[in-house]
Amino acid sequence: MPGGAVRINFVISASGRDLVLPERAEGSAGTETRESMVQLRIFLIRAALGAFFAYFLARFFIPSASPGLIVVMAALLVFFAYVFEGLRKR
């Protein structure tokens, strides 16, 4: 269905009668929850990759880097991932 709407068509037969569940309207609570879970998963993946690459880059280019600097680098990598995603979607 267009716009990411979810269509549910289940037929449940109970004692000779069929029950058809209605279609979900776009923007229903189930769709919003799914979208927020996807956004959370993307953030967690970006945070993990940002931490990994920040550690790798800091150890490669600045061997005496403090853990605080690595955290700042990881935050910057995640920040710029969202900035470039926003620019790409424009």
C-alpha atoms as a PDB file:
ATOM      1  CA  MET A   1       0.000   0.000   0.000  1.00  0.00           C
ATOM      2  CA  PRO A   2       1.258   3.524  -0.691  1.00  0.00           C
ATOM      3  CA  GLY A   3       2.699   5.630   2.103  1.00  0.00           C
ATOM      4  CA  GLY A   4       3.921   2.695   4.158  1.00  0.00           C
ATOM      5  CA  ALA A   5       0.459   1.766   5.446  1.00  0.00           C
ATOM      6  CA  VAL A   6      -0.005  -1.748   6.689  1.00  0.00           C
ATOM      7  CA  ARG A   7      -2.874  -3.815   5.404  1.00  0.00           C
ATOM      8  CA  ILE A   8      -4.030  -6.740   7.498  1.00  0.00           C
ATOM      9  CA  ASN A   9      -6.372  -9.333   6.013  1.00  0.00           C
ATOM     10  CA  PHE A  10      -6.903 -12.273   8.296  1.00  0.00           C
ATOM     11  CA  VAL A  11      -9.864 -14.567   8.049  1.00  0.00           C
ATOM     12  CA  ILE A  12     -10.650 -16.389  11.268  1.00  0.00           C
ATOM     13  CA  SER A  13     -13.245 -19.103  11.089  1.00  0.00           C
ATOM     14  CA  ALA A  14     -15.044 -19.661  14.364  1.00  0.00           C
ATOM     15  CA  SER A  15     -18.128 -21.863  14.527  1.00  0.00           C
ATOM     16  CA  GLY A  16     -18.979 -21.421  10.849  1.00  0.00           C
ATOM     17  CA  ARG A  17     -18.688 -17.624  10.820  1.00  0.00           C
ATOM     18  CA  ASP A  18     -15.806 -15.693   9.292  1.00  0.00           C
ATOM     19  CA  LEU A  19     -14.269 -12.757  11.069  1.00  0.00           C
ATOM     20  CA  VAL A  20     -12.279 -10.357   8.922  1.00  0.00           C
ATOM     21  CA  LEU A  21     -10.117  -7.899  10.817  1.00  0.00           C
ATOM     22  CA  PRO A  22     -10.213  -4.333   9.462  1.00  0.00           C
ATOM     23  CA  GLU A  23      -7.326  -2.688   7.674  1.00  0.00           C
ATOM     24  CA  ARG A  24      -4.958  -0.601   9.721  1.00  0.00           C
ATOM     25  CA  ALA A  25      -5.139   3.073   8.966  1.00  0.00           C
ATOM     26  CA  GLU A  26      -1.941   4.902   8.108  1.00  0.00           C
ATOM     27  CA  GLY A  27      -0.362   6.484  11.176  1.00  0.00           C
ATOM     28  CA  SER A  28      -1.810   3.982  13.599  1.00  0.00           C
ATOM     29  CA  ALA A  29      -0.049   3.245  16.877  1.00  0.00           C
ATOM     30  CA  GLY A  30       1.500   0.032  15.533  1.00  0.00           C
ATOM     31  CA  THR A  31       3.150   1.815  12.629  1.00  0.00           C
ATOM     32  CA  GLU A  32       4.515   4.599  14.846  1.00  0.00           C
ATOM     33  CA  THR A  33       5.956   2.069  17.286  1.00  0.00           C
ATOM     34  CA  ARG A  34       7.617   0.146  14.466  1.00  0.00           C
ATOM     35  CA  GLU A  35       9.136   3.328  13.037  1.00  0.00           C
ATOM     36  CA  SER A  36      10.492   4.403  16.421  1.00  0.00           C
ATOM     37  CA  MET A  37      12.019   0.952  16.928  1.00  0.00           C
ATOM     38  CA  VAL A  38      13.695   1.182  13.524  1.00  0.00           C
ATOM     39  CA  GLN A  39      15.061   4.631  14.396  1.00  0.00           C
ATOM     40  CA  LEU A  40      16.351   3.312  17.729  1.00  0.00           C
ATOM     41  CA  ARG A  41      18.036   0.373  15.997  1.00  0.00           C
ATOM     42  CA  ILE A  42      19.681   2.701  13.461  1.00  0.00           C
ATOM     43  CA  PHE A  43      20.923   4.927  16.294  1.00  0.00           C
ATOM     44  CA  LEU A  44      22.365   1.957  18.194  1.00  0.00           C
ATOM     45  CA  ILE A  45      24.153   0.689  15.089  1.00  0.00           C
ATOM     46  CA  ARG A  46      25.546   4.162  14.366  1.00  0.00           C
ATOM     47  CA  ALA A  47      26.647   4.568  17.995  1.00  0.00           C
ATOM     48  CA  ALA A  48      28.412   1.186  18.008  1.00  0.00           C
ATOM     49  CA  LEU A  49      30.131   1.857  14.689  1.00  0.00           C
ATOM     50  CA  GLY A  50      31.011   5.390  15.794  1.00  0.00           C
ATOM     51  CA  ALA A  51      32.619   4.076  18.984  1.00  0.00           C
ATOM     52  CA  PHE A  52      34.523   1.382  17.096  1.00  0.00           C
ATOM     53  CA  PHE A  53      35.880   3.707  14.412  1.00  0.00           C
ATOM     54  CA  ALA A  54      36.632   6.483  16.908  1.00  0.00           C
ATOM     55  CA  TYR A  55      38.707   4.043  18.956  1.00  0.00           C
ATOM     56  CA  PHE A  56      40.440   2.720  15.827  1.00  0.00           C
ATOM     57  CA  LEU A  57      41.180   6.189  14.424  1.00  0.00           C
ATOM     58  CA  ALA A  58      42.335   7.558  17.771  1.00  0.00           C
ATOM     59  CA  ARG A  59      44.713   4.650  18.354  1.00  0.00           C
ATOM     60  CA  PHE A  60      46.032   4.879  14.807  1.00  0.00           C
ATOM     61  CA  PHE A  61      46.567   8.655  14.583  1.00  0.00           C
ATOM     62  CA  ILE A  62      46.800   9.694  18.270  1.00  0.00           C
ATOM     63  CA  PRO A  63      48.175   6.734  20.282  1.00  0.00           C
ATOM     64  CA  SER A  64      48.117   8.714  23.548  1.00  0.00           C
ATOM     65  CA  ALA A  65      44.426   9.723  23.182  1.00  0.00           C
ATOM     66  CA  SER A  66      42.416   9.773  26.385  1.00  0.00           C
ATOM     67  CA  PRO A  67      39.099   7.913  26.680  1.00  0.00           C
ATOM     68  CA  GLY A  68      37.346  11.294  26.787  1.00  0.00           C
ATOM     69  CA  LEU A  69      38.732  12.220  23.394  1.00  0.00           C
ATOM     70  CA  ILE A  70      37.555   8.897  21.973  1.00  0.00           C
ATOM     71  CA  VAL A  71      34.035   9.548  23.307  1.00  0.00           C
ATOM     72  CA  VAL A  72      34.033  13.019  21.740  1.00  0.00           C
ATOM     73  CA  MET A  73      35.216  11.578  18.422  1.00  0.00           C
ATOM     74  CA  ALA A  74      32.497   8.915  18.548  1.00  0.00           C
ATOM     75  CA  ALA A  75      29.839  11.555  19.254  1.00  0.00           C
ATOM     76  CA  LEU A  76      31.094  13.633  16.329  1.00  0.00           C
ATOM     77  CA  LEU A  77      30.985  10.641  13.999  1.00  0.00           C
ATOM     78  CA  VAL A  78      27.367   9.890  14.976  1.00  0.00           C
ATOM     79  CA  PHE A  79      26.449  13.583  14.723  1.00  0.00           C
ATOM     80  CA  PHE A  80      27.877  13.860  11.226  1.00  0.00           C
ATOM     81  CA  ALA A  81      26.125  10.634  10.193  1.00  0.00           C
ATOM     82  CA  TYR A  82      22.800  12.323  10.998  1.00  0.00           C
ATOM     83  CA  VAL A  83      23.879  15.593   9.345  1.00  0.00           C
ATOM     84  CA  PHE A  84      24.809  13.852   6.108  1.00  0.00           C
ATOM     85  CA  GLU A  85      21.611  11.783   6.181  1.00  0.00           C
ATOM     86  CA  GLY A  86      19.628  15.006   6.490  1.00  0.00           C
ATOM     87  CA  LEU A  87      21.513  16.558   3.587  1.00  0.00           C
ATOM     88  CA  ARG A  88      20.989  13.460   1.480  1.00  0.00           C
ATOM     89  CA  LYS A  89      17.218  13.488   2.101  1.00  0.00           C
ATOM     90  CA  ARG A  90      16.855  17.164   1.161  1.00  0.00           C
END
